[in-house]
Amino acid sequence: TQAMTMFVKSVQSSVHEVVKLDEPLGGVSSPAYRDSLRKKIVLGTYFDLLQATEPMLERLTADSARTAEEIEFDAGFRTVVASLLRPEDATLAYERQSLATAQWGQFEQSLGWFGKLLRFKAGSLTPEDTTKFEEENHTRFGKFLSGLTTFATILSVGVIGFLIYSFRFFTGRSRFALDPPSMSPNFCLEIFCLYLLAMLGLSFVFRLAAGMRTEIVERLGGPGMLMLNCIGILSTVLIVFWPRLWGVSVRSTFSTIGLTFGGVGRFFGNLVIGPTFYISAWIPLLAVLIVYSIIIQWFGIDMSKGAHPVIPILLSSEDKEARFFIIFLAVVVAPFVEEIMFRGAFYSWLRSRMGRLSSMLVCSIVFASIHPQGLLGLVPLTCVSMVLCMLREWRQSLVAPMLAHACFNAGTLSMVFLMFGD
């Protein structure tokens, strides 16, 4: 249990460093140095499992190019690690026991959970703290095991679904052919352009409101502003009635952009296909993302710049209402509105001008470009949008893409909470 818990926290620590959520702690401000200490703790506390040799010990405790503050901090740390690596050395054991309480506190303050792990293995915790630490580890391991089981189940469903969907597409049992529009495709482009203008206007208004310390803004607070944000974005859907001003029936508009159910059977089919297609698509998506991440790391690009700016806000906020509105915005509002505008209006116009693959690619690149992740998020979001375009083309409706989009955002947030949540 301790080994698995250590593994989980090691992964969490690594990802924390990547997304810059691990702020400098204590007196040791270098993330690289803190990371090296964590590695030493991992190797030092479970050294017997690694069957390390004496040269490895020297490498672990060797001084590198560090600041004077870090070298001073490392003096006590090396004593602890060395004594754990060589428990038969009585001198090292005595030096470890003579470390001041303040030094132990500094280890824990600077290294977080890893510092407590070091104290636990060194036997410097009180019996009460030792029991509490073990209980926390058992709980954490239980969560990890539950998450691992859930992931394995989803992966199994994804593999099976990928094989089934691939078989249906290659054998021609499922076809990709969008129905002809029921109104002029130019109205679709007008709807999309008006949507972009409305979003720019909303962005300007909320940025202006955030910078104003008026009484109304102070009363609303973060949750109130987020609620207004959700309402504002949802209100942009009313733009789909734009063609009605020019004599086009609402039914023709809805049919063209995919706001149709297609009967009870097809509607419930979309409810099942949306989530399962999303899970199945993660098989090829994962392969693309792995290759992409390897290329990004090869060029030494900081992956933290590709994180959505709302993630640190979501994790740092202790306001439950604010968290609710952020999650509601990501899982409900964004999939509903973006699918209507991108896979509905914009994609329908593109399909009237170019082929299927070209339309999917252009729609996906535009979709990825307007997101705040920047250039680093261009490839992943383009791939996700391609999957949603495939669903739109296949199912002739936005129901399945909306559900798949919601599952994608919900899955991403779930992973964030599992990795970084309390």
Protein backbone atom coordinates (compact mmCIF):
# COMPACT_ATOMS: atom_id res chain seq x y z
CA THR A 1 0.00 0.00 0.00
CA GLN A 2 2.81 2.44 0.86
CA ALA A 3 4.61 1.65 -2.38
CA MET A 4 1.49 2.24 -4.48
CA THR A 5 0.67 5.41 -2.58
CA MET A 6 4.19 6.65 -3.16
CA PHE A 7 3.79 5.92 -6.87
CA VAL A 8 0.52 7.87 -7.06
CA LYS A 9 1.97 10.87 -5.26
CA SER A 10 5.08 10.74 -7.44
CA VAL A 11 2.92 11.00 -10.56
CA GLN A 12 0.90 13.79 -8.98
CA SER A 13 4.06 15.66 -8.08
CA SER A 14 5.44 15.37 -11.59
CA VAL A 15 2.27 16.70 -13.17
CA HIS A 16 2.05 19.48 -10.57
CA GLU A 17 5.46 20.69 -11.69
CA VAL A 18 4.41 20.59 -15.35
CA VAL A 19 1.33 22.76 -14.92
CA LYS A 20 3.01 25.11 -12.44
CA LEU A 21 0.54 24.41 -9.65
CA ASP A 22 3.25 23.49 -7.18
CA GLU A 23 4.26 26.86 -5.80
CA PRO A 24 7.64 27.34 -4.10
CA LEU A 25 7.49 26.14 -0.52
CA GLY A 26 9.70 26.77 2.48
CA GLY A 27 13.16 28.05 1.77
CA VAL A 28 13.88 25.81 -1.21
CA SER A 29 12.53 27.70 -4.18
CA SER A 30 13.90 25.70 -7.12
CA PRO A 31 11.32 23.27 -8.59
CA ALA A 32 14.12 21.20 -10.13
CA TYR A 33 15.85 20.89 -6.77
CA ARG A 34 12.62 19.90 -4.99
CA ASP A 35 12.01 17.32 -7.67
CA SER A 36 15.49 15.87 -7.16
CA LEU A 37 14.85 15.61 -3.41
CA ARG A 38 11.59 13.77 -4.04
CA LYS A 39 13.42 11.30 -6.25
CA LYS A 40 15.97 10.76 -3.50
CA ILE A 41 13.19 10.09 -1.01
CA VAL A 42 11.55 7.61 -3.35
CA LEU A 43 14.81 5.77 -3.92
CA GLY A 44 16.04 6.18 -0.37
CA THR A 45 12.95 4.95 1.44
CA TYR A 46 12.54 1.94 -0.83
CA PHE A 47 16.18 1.35 -1.55
CA ASP A 48 16.01 -2.31 -0.59
CA LEU A 49 13.49 -2.92 -3.39
CA LEU A 50 15.91 -1.46 -5.91
CA GLN A 51 18.96 -3.41 -4.68
CA ALA A 52 21.14 -0.35 -5.07
CA THR A 53 24.90 -0.42 -4.92
CA GLU A 54 27.35 1.88 -3.15
CA PRO A 55 28.02 4.03 -6.26
CA MET A 56 24.29 4.70 -6.49
CA LEU A 57 24.33 5.95 -2.92
CA GLU A 58 27.14 8.35 -3.75
CA ARG A 59 25.22 9.62 -6.76
CA LEU A 60 22.10 10.14 -4.67
CA THR A 61 23.82 12.19 -2.01
CA ALA A 62 26.33 13.99 -4.21
CA ASP A 63 26.37 17.77 -4.28
CA SER A 64 25.42 19.38 -7.59
CA ALA A 65 25.29 22.99 -8.77
CA ARG A 66 22.96 24.46 -6.13
CA THR A 67 22.57 27.62 -4.15
CA ALA A 68 24.11 28.05 -0.70
CA GLU A 69 20.64 27.84 0.83
CA GLU A 70 19.96 24.54 -0.91
CA ILE A 71 23.32 23.10 0.14
CA GLU A 72 22.62 24.03 3.76
CA PHE A 73 19.17 22.48 3.56
CA ASP A 74 20.64 19.36 1.98
CA ALA A 75 23.07 18.72 4.84
CA GLY A 76 20.38 17.26 7.13
CA PHE A 77 18.59 15.69 4.23
CA ARG A 78 21.65 13.72 3.14
CA THR A 79 22.04 12.40 6.66
CA VAL A 80 18.50 11.04 6.68
CA VAL A 81 18.71 9.48 3.23
CA ALA A 82 22.11 7.94 3.88
CA SER A 83 20.95 6.45 7.19
CA LEU A 84 17.93 4.92 5.48
CA LEU A 85 20.10 3.49 2.74
CA ARG A 86 22.55 2.03 5.26
CA PRO A 87 20.49 1.11 8.36
CA GLU A 88 23.40 -0.87 9.79
CA ASP A 89 25.49 2.29 10.15
CA ALA A 90 25.07 3.29 13.82
CA THR A 91 26.76 6.68 13.33
CA LEU A 92 24.31 7.70 10.62
CA ALA A 93 21.39 6.43 12.69
CA TYR A 94 22.53 8.57 15.64
CA GLU A 95 22.90 11.65 13.43
CA ARG A 96 19.43 11.06 12.06
CA GLN A 97 17.93 10.85 15.54
CA SER A 98 19.70 14.05 16.59
CA LEU A 99 18.14 16.17 13.88
CA ALA A 100 16.18 19.06 15.35
CA THR A 101 12.41 19.20 15.11
CA ALA A 102 12.72 22.42 13.13
CA GLN A 103 14.73 20.60 10.47
CA TRP A 104 12.10 17.89 10.16
CA GLY A 105 9.45 20.58 9.86
CA GLN A 106 11.43 22.23 7.11
CA PHE A 107 11.60 18.95 5.19
CA GLU A 108 7.85 18.57 5.39
CA GLN A 109 7.15 22.21 4.63
CA SER A 110 9.39 22.22 1.58
CA LEU A 111 8.52 18.81 0.16
CA GLY A 112 4.92 18.32 1.22
CA TRP A 113 3.80 14.70 1.32
CA PHE A 114 7.28 13.51 0.42
CA GLY A 115 8.72 15.23 3.45
CA LYS A 116 6.19 13.45 5.65
CA LEU A 117 7.07 10.17 3.96
CA LEU A 118 10.70 10.78 4.84
CA ARG A 119 9.79 11.43 8.46
CA PHE A 120 7.59 8.35 8.50
CA LYS A 121 10.37 6.08 7.22
CA ALA A 122 12.89 7.68 9.56
CA GLY A 123 10.61 7.04 12.55
CA SER A 124 10.45 10.68 13.62
CA LEU A 125 6.65 10.96 13.61
CA THR A 126 4.67 10.63 16.82
CA PRO A 127 2.59 7.44 17.18
CA GLU A 128 -0.58 9.43 16.53
CA ASP A 129 0.85 11.02 13.38
CA THR A 130 2.19 7.66 12.24
CA THR A 131 -1.25 6.07 12.54
CA LYS A 132 -2.87 9.00 10.77
CA PHE A 133 -0.32 8.88 7.96
CA GLU A 134 -0.89 5.16 7.42
CA GLU A 135 -4.67 5.64 7.36
CA GLU A 136 -4.34 8.44 4.82
CA ASN A 137 -2.19 6.22 2.64
CA HIS A 138 -4.70 3.38 2.81
CA THR A 139 -7.49 5.77 1.80
CA ARG A 140 -5.42 7.20 -1.02
CA PHE A 141 -4.56 3.72 -2.25
CA GLY A 142 -8.26 2.79 -2.21
CA LYS A 143 -9.05 5.79 -4.38
CA PHE A 144 -6.22 4.89 -6.70
CA LEU A 145 -7.45 1.30 -6.99
CA SER A 146 -11.00 2.51 -7.72
CA GLY A 147 -9.69 4.89 -10.35
CA LEU A 148 -7.55 2.16 -11.90
CA THR A 149 -10.54 -0.20 -12.05
CA THR A 150 -12.71 2.49 -13.61
CA PHE A 151 -10.01 3.30 -16.16
CA ALA A 152 -9.58 -0.38 -17.06
CA THR A 153 -13.34 -0.74 -17.53
CA ILE A 154 -13.58 2.34 -19.73
CA LEU A 155 -10.56 1.22 -21.73
CA SER A 156 -12.14 -2.19 -22.32
CA VAL A 157 -15.38 -0.56 -23.48
CA GLY A 158 -13.34 1.75 -25.70
CA VAL A 159 -11.44 -1.10 -27.38
CA ILE A 160 -14.63 -3.07 -27.99
CA GLY A 161 -16.44 0.02 -29.27
CA PHE A 162 -13.53 0.96 -31.52
CA LEU A 163 -13.58 -2.49 -33.12
CA ILE A 164 -17.37 -2.43 -33.58
CA TYR A 165 -17.46 1.07 -35.07
CA SER A 166 -14.48 0.35 -37.32
CA PHE A 167 -16.16 -2.79 -38.60
CA ARG A 168 -19.41 -0.94 -39.34
CA PHE A 169 -17.64 1.88 -41.19
CA PHE A 170 -15.37 -0.35 -43.26
CA THR A 171 -18.20 -2.70 -44.23
CA GLY A 172 -20.47 0.18 -45.22
CA ARG A 173 -23.12 -0.48 -42.58
CA SER A 174 -22.67 3.08 -41.31
CA ARG A 175 -22.39 5.84 -43.88
CA PHE A 176 -21.08 9.39 -43.76
CA ALA A 177 -23.37 11.59 -45.82
CA LEU A 178 -24.89 14.83 -44.59
CA ASP A 179 -28.45 15.51 -45.71
CA PRO A 180 -28.86 18.45 -48.14
CA PRO A 181 -29.70 21.77 -46.44
CA SER A 182 -33.31 22.94 -46.14
CA MET A 183 -32.34 26.60 -46.50
CA SER A 184 -29.60 28.67 -48.10
CA PRO A 185 -26.22 27.65 -46.57
CA ASN A 186 -25.28 31.32 -46.43
CA PHE A 187 -27.63 31.71 -43.47
CA CYS A 188 -25.47 29.14 -41.63
CA LEU A 189 -22.39 31.28 -42.18
CA GLU A 190 -24.27 34.38 -41.03
CA ILE A 191 -25.36 32.59 -37.84
CA PHE A 192 -21.78 31.55 -37.13
CA CYS A 193 -20.34 35.02 -37.76
CA LEU A 194 -22.97 36.63 -35.55
CA TYR A 195 -22.12 34.11 -32.85
CA LEU A 196 -18.44 35.05 -33.00
CA LEU A 197 -19.31 38.74 -32.77
CA ALA A 198 -21.60 38.05 -29.80
CA MET A 199 -18.86 36.11 -28.00
CA LEU A 200 -16.38 38.93 -28.60
CA GLY A 201 -18.90 41.37 -27.17
CA LEU A 202 -19.53 39.19 -24.11
CA SER A 203 -15.81 38.82 -23.55
CA PHE A 204 -15.32 42.58 -23.67
CA VAL A 205 -18.24 43.23 -21.31
CA PHE A 206 -17.10 40.69 -18.70
CA ARG A 207 -13.49 41.85 -18.86
CA LEU A 208 -14.68 45.41 -18.35
CA ALA A 209 -16.94 44.36 -15.46
CA ALA A 210 -14.12 42.39 -13.82
CA GLY A 211 -11.95 45.48 -13.82
CA MET A 212 -14.64 47.66 -12.29
CA ARG A 213 -15.10 47.59 -8.53
CA THR A 214 -18.71 48.71 -8.58
CA GLU A 215 -21.21 47.84 -5.88
CA ILE A 216 -23.07 45.47 -8.20
CA VAL A 217 -19.92 43.58 -9.14
CA GLU A 218 -18.89 43.31 -5.49
CA ARG A 219 -22.31 41.93 -4.55
CA LEU A 220 -22.32 39.38 -7.34
CA GLY A 221 -18.85 38.11 -6.53
CA GLY A 222 -17.18 35.27 -8.43
CA PRO A 223 -20.19 32.89 -8.51
CA GLY A 224 -22.54 35.63 -9.63
CA MET A 225 -20.27 36.69 -12.48
CA LEU A 226 -19.87 33.05 -13.54
CA MET A 227 -23.65 32.60 -13.53
CA LEU A 228 -24.05 35.68 -15.73
CA ASN A 229 -21.34 34.29 -17.98
CA CYS A 230 -23.29 31.05 -18.40
CA ILE A 231 -26.50 32.96 -19.11
CA GLY A 232 -24.73 35.22 -21.61
CA ILE A 233 -23.21 32.33 -23.55
CA LEU A 234 -26.48 30.39 -23.56
CA SER A 235 -28.27 33.45 -24.90
CA THR A 236 -26.12 33.36 -28.05
CA VAL A 237 -28.12 30.32 -29.14
CA LEU A 238 -30.97 32.71 -29.97
CA ILE A 239 -28.93 33.71 -33.04
CA VAL A 240 -30.18 30.54 -34.76
CA PHE A 241 -33.48 32.37 -35.25
CA TRP A 242 -31.73 34.94 -37.45
CA PRO A 243 -32.99 33.33 -40.70
CA ARG A 244 -36.56 33.63 -39.41
CA LEU A 245 -36.26 37.41 -39.83
CA TRP A 246 -35.81 36.77 -43.55
CA GLY A 247 -38.77 34.45 -43.93
CA VAL A 248 -37.04 31.09 -43.35
CA SER A 249 -39.03 28.70 -41.18
CA VAL A 250 -37.61 27.57 -37.86
CA ARG A 251 -38.02 23.95 -38.92
CA SER A 252 -35.84 24.49 -42.00
CA THR A 253 -33.16 26.17 -39.88
CA PHE A 254 -33.16 23.43 -37.26
CA SER A 255 -33.08 20.70 -39.92
CA THR A 256 -30.12 22.30 -41.70
CA ILE A 257 -27.94 22.78 -38.62
CA GLY A 258 -28.84 19.41 -37.08
CA LEU A 259 -31.17 20.40 -34.26
CA THR A 260 -33.36 17.37 -34.88
CA PHE A 261 -34.20 14.24 -32.93
CA GLY A 262 -35.12 11.98 -35.85
CA GLY A 263 -37.71 9.94 -34.00
CA VAL A 264 -37.69 8.22 -30.62
CA GLY A 265 -35.53 5.29 -31.70
CA ARG A 266 -32.88 7.44 -33.34
CA PHE A 267 -32.88 9.86 -30.41
CA PHE A 268 -32.17 7.13 -27.88
CA GLY A 269 -29.62 5.67 -30.28
CA ASN A 270 -27.81 9.00 -30.24
CA LEU A 271 -27.89 9.01 -26.44
CA VAL A 272 -25.95 5.74 -26.47
CA ILE A 273 -23.71 6.42 -29.48
CA GLY A 274 -22.50 9.83 -28.28
CA PRO A 275 -20.70 8.64 -25.09
CA THR A 276 -19.61 5.26 -26.51
CA PHE A 277 -18.22 6.82 -29.68
CA TYR A 278 -16.28 9.28 -27.53
CA ILE A 279 -14.79 6.45 -25.46
CA SER A 280 -13.98 4.43 -28.59
CA ALA A 281 -12.33 7.42 -30.26
CA TRP A 282 -9.85 7.69 -27.41
CA ILE A 283 -7.97 4.66 -28.78
CA PRO A 284 -6.66 6.48 -31.90
CA LEU A 285 -6.70 9.84 -30.11
CA LEU A 286 -4.40 8.52 -27.41
CA ALA A 287 -1.92 7.32 -30.01
CA VAL A 288 -1.87 10.74 -31.66
CA LEU A 289 -1.53 12.57 -28.35
CA ILE A 290 1.37 10.36 -27.22
CA VAL A 291 3.28 11.05 -30.43
CA TYR A 292 2.44 14.76 -30.15
CA SER A 293 3.64 14.98 -26.54
CA ILE A 294 6.90 13.22 -27.45
CA ILE A 295 7.52 15.74 -30.24
CA ILE A 296 6.69 18.67 -27.94
CA GLN A 297 9.09 17.41 -25.26
CA TRP A 298 11.77 16.75 -27.89
CA PHE A 299 11.78 20.45 -28.76
CA GLY A 300 11.86 21.39 -25.08
CA ILE A 301 8.53 23.23 -25.16
CA ASP A 302 6.83 23.92 -21.83
CA MET A 303 3.58 21.91 -21.84
CA SER A 304 2.14 24.04 -19.03
CA LYS A 305 1.43 26.77 -21.58
CA GLY A 306 -1.16 24.48 -23.17
CA ALA A 307 -3.27 24.15 -20.03
CA HIS A 308 -6.70 25.76 -19.98
CA PRO A 309 -6.53 28.93 -17.84
CA VAL A 310 -9.67 27.91 -15.96
CA ILE A 311 -8.00 24.83 -14.42
CA PRO A 312 -5.89 26.66 -11.80
CA ILE A 313 -8.91 28.82 -10.93
CA LEU A 314 -11.09 25.75 -10.52
CA LEU A 315 -8.60 24.00 -8.26
CA SER A 316 -7.65 27.00 -6.17
CA SER A 317 -11.21 28.18 -5.55
CA GLU A 318 -12.81 27.02 -2.31
CA ASP A 319 -16.18 28.49 -3.27
CA LYS A 320 -18.51 25.59 -4.08
CA GLU A 321 -20.85 27.81 -6.09
CA ALA A 322 -17.98 29.05 -8.24
CA ARG A 323 -16.82 25.49 -8.84
CA PHE A 324 -20.36 24.45 -9.78
CA PHE A 325 -20.73 27.18 -12.39
CA ILE A 326 -17.31 26.43 -13.88
CA ILE A 327 -18.21 22.74 -14.19
CA PHE A 328 -21.69 23.61 -15.51
CA LEU A 329 -20.12 25.91 -18.08
CA ALA A 330 -17.69 23.22 -19.24
CA VAL A 331 -19.99 20.19 -19.22
CA VAL A 332 -23.37 21.67 -20.21
CA VAL A 333 -23.14 25.18 -21.67
CA ALA A 334 -20.03 24.82 -23.85
CA PRO A 335 -21.03 21.49 -25.51
CA PHE A 336 -24.57 22.74 -26.19
CA VAL A 337 -23.62 26.12 -27.65
CA GLU A 338 -20.41 25.15 -29.45
CA GLU A 339 -21.97 22.13 -31.17
CA ILE A 340 -24.85 24.25 -32.48
CA MET A 341 -22.49 26.89 -33.83
CA PHE A 342 -19.53 24.81 -35.01
CA ARG A 343 -20.77 21.35 -35.96
CA GLY A 344 -24.20 22.80 -36.72
CA ALA A 345 -24.07 26.16 -38.50
CA PHE A 346 -20.41 26.44 -39.53
CA TYR A 347 -19.95 22.81 -40.59
CA SER A 348 -23.20 22.86 -42.61
CA TRP A 349 -21.95 25.88 -44.54
CA LEU A 350 -18.56 24.28 -45.14
CA ARG A 351 -20.17 21.09 -46.46
CA SER A 352 -22.02 23.15 -49.07
CA ARG A 353 -18.68 24.49 -50.31
CA MET A 354 -16.20 21.63 -50.02
CA GLY A 355 -15.81 17.91 -49.41
CA ARG A 356 -16.33 15.97 -46.22
CA LEU A 357 -12.70 15.68 -45.09
CA SER A 358 -11.86 19.28 -45.98
CA SER A 359 -14.91 20.53 -44.10
CA MET A 360 -14.02 18.48 -41.03
CA LEU A 361 -10.45 19.77 -41.06
CA VAL A 362 -11.32 23.46 -41.54
CA CYS A 363 -14.08 23.34 -38.92
CA SER A 364 -11.78 21.59 -36.45
CA ILE A 365 -8.86 23.98 -36.92
CA VAL A 366 -11.12 27.01 -36.44
CA PHE A 367 -12.70 25.37 -33.39
CA ALA A 368 -9.28 24.67 -31.84
CA SER A 369 -7.94 28.11 -32.70
CA ILE A 370 -10.51 30.08 -30.72
CA HIS A 371 -9.84 28.15 -27.51
CA PRO A 372 -7.52 29.74 -24.93
CA GLN A 373 -5.01 26.86 -24.91
CA GLY A 374 -3.10 28.54 -27.74
CA LEU A 375 -0.90 26.78 -30.28
CA LEU A 376 -0.06 23.90 -27.95
CA GLY A 377 -3.73 22.95 -27.78
CA LEU A 378 -4.24 23.18 -31.54
CA VAL A 379 -3.45 19.53 -32.38
CA PRO A 380 -5.36 17.86 -29.49
CA LEU A 381 -8.46 20.04 -29.91
CA THR A 382 -8.40 19.60 -33.69
CA CYS A 383 -8.39 15.82 -33.24
CA VAL A 384 -11.28 15.98 -30.78
CA SER A 385 -13.25 18.22 -33.14
CA MET A 386 -12.65 15.80 -36.02
CA VAL A 387 -14.34 13.09 -33.96
CA LEU A 388 -17.30 15.38 -33.28
CA CYS A 389 -17.56 16.24 -36.98
CA MET A 390 -17.64 12.54 -37.81
CA LEU A 391 -20.55 12.09 -35.42
CA ARG A 392 -22.37 15.06 -36.95
CA GLU A 393 -21.92 13.66 -40.45
CA TRP A 394 -22.92 10.15 -39.49
CA ARG A 395 -25.88 10.78 -37.20
CA GLN A 396 -27.39 13.78 -39.06
CA SER A 397 -28.04 15.33 -35.66
CA LEU A 398 -26.24 17.34 -32.99
CA VAL A 399 -27.48 15.15 -30.13
CA ALA A 400 -24.60 12.65 -30.36
CA PRO A 401 -21.88 15.32 -30.80
CA MET A 402 -23.25 17.28 -27.85
CA LEU A 403 -23.12 14.24 -25.60
CA ALA A 404 -19.64 13.28 -26.83
CA HIS A 405 -18.42 16.84 -26.27
CA ALA A 406 -19.90 16.85 -22.76
CA CYS A 407 -18.22 13.51 -22.00
CA PHE A 408 -14.89 14.86 -23.21
CA ASN A 409 -15.06 17.93 -20.97
CA ALA A 410 -16.38 15.94 -18.02
CA GLY A 411 -13.66 13.34 -18.46
CA THR A 412 -10.98 16.01 -18.60
CA LEU A 413 -12.26 17.69 -15.43
CA SER A 414 -12.48 14.31 -13.68
CA MET A 415 -8.84 13.61 -14.47
CA VAL A 416 -7.87 17.07 -13.19
CA PHE A 417 -9.71 16.51 -9.92
CA LEU A 418 -8.23 13.02 -9.49
CA MET A 419 -4.71 14.32 -10.07
CA PHE A 420 -4.92 17.63 -8.20
CA GLY A 421 -8.06 17.56 -6.07
CA ASP A 422 -7.99 17.39 -2.29
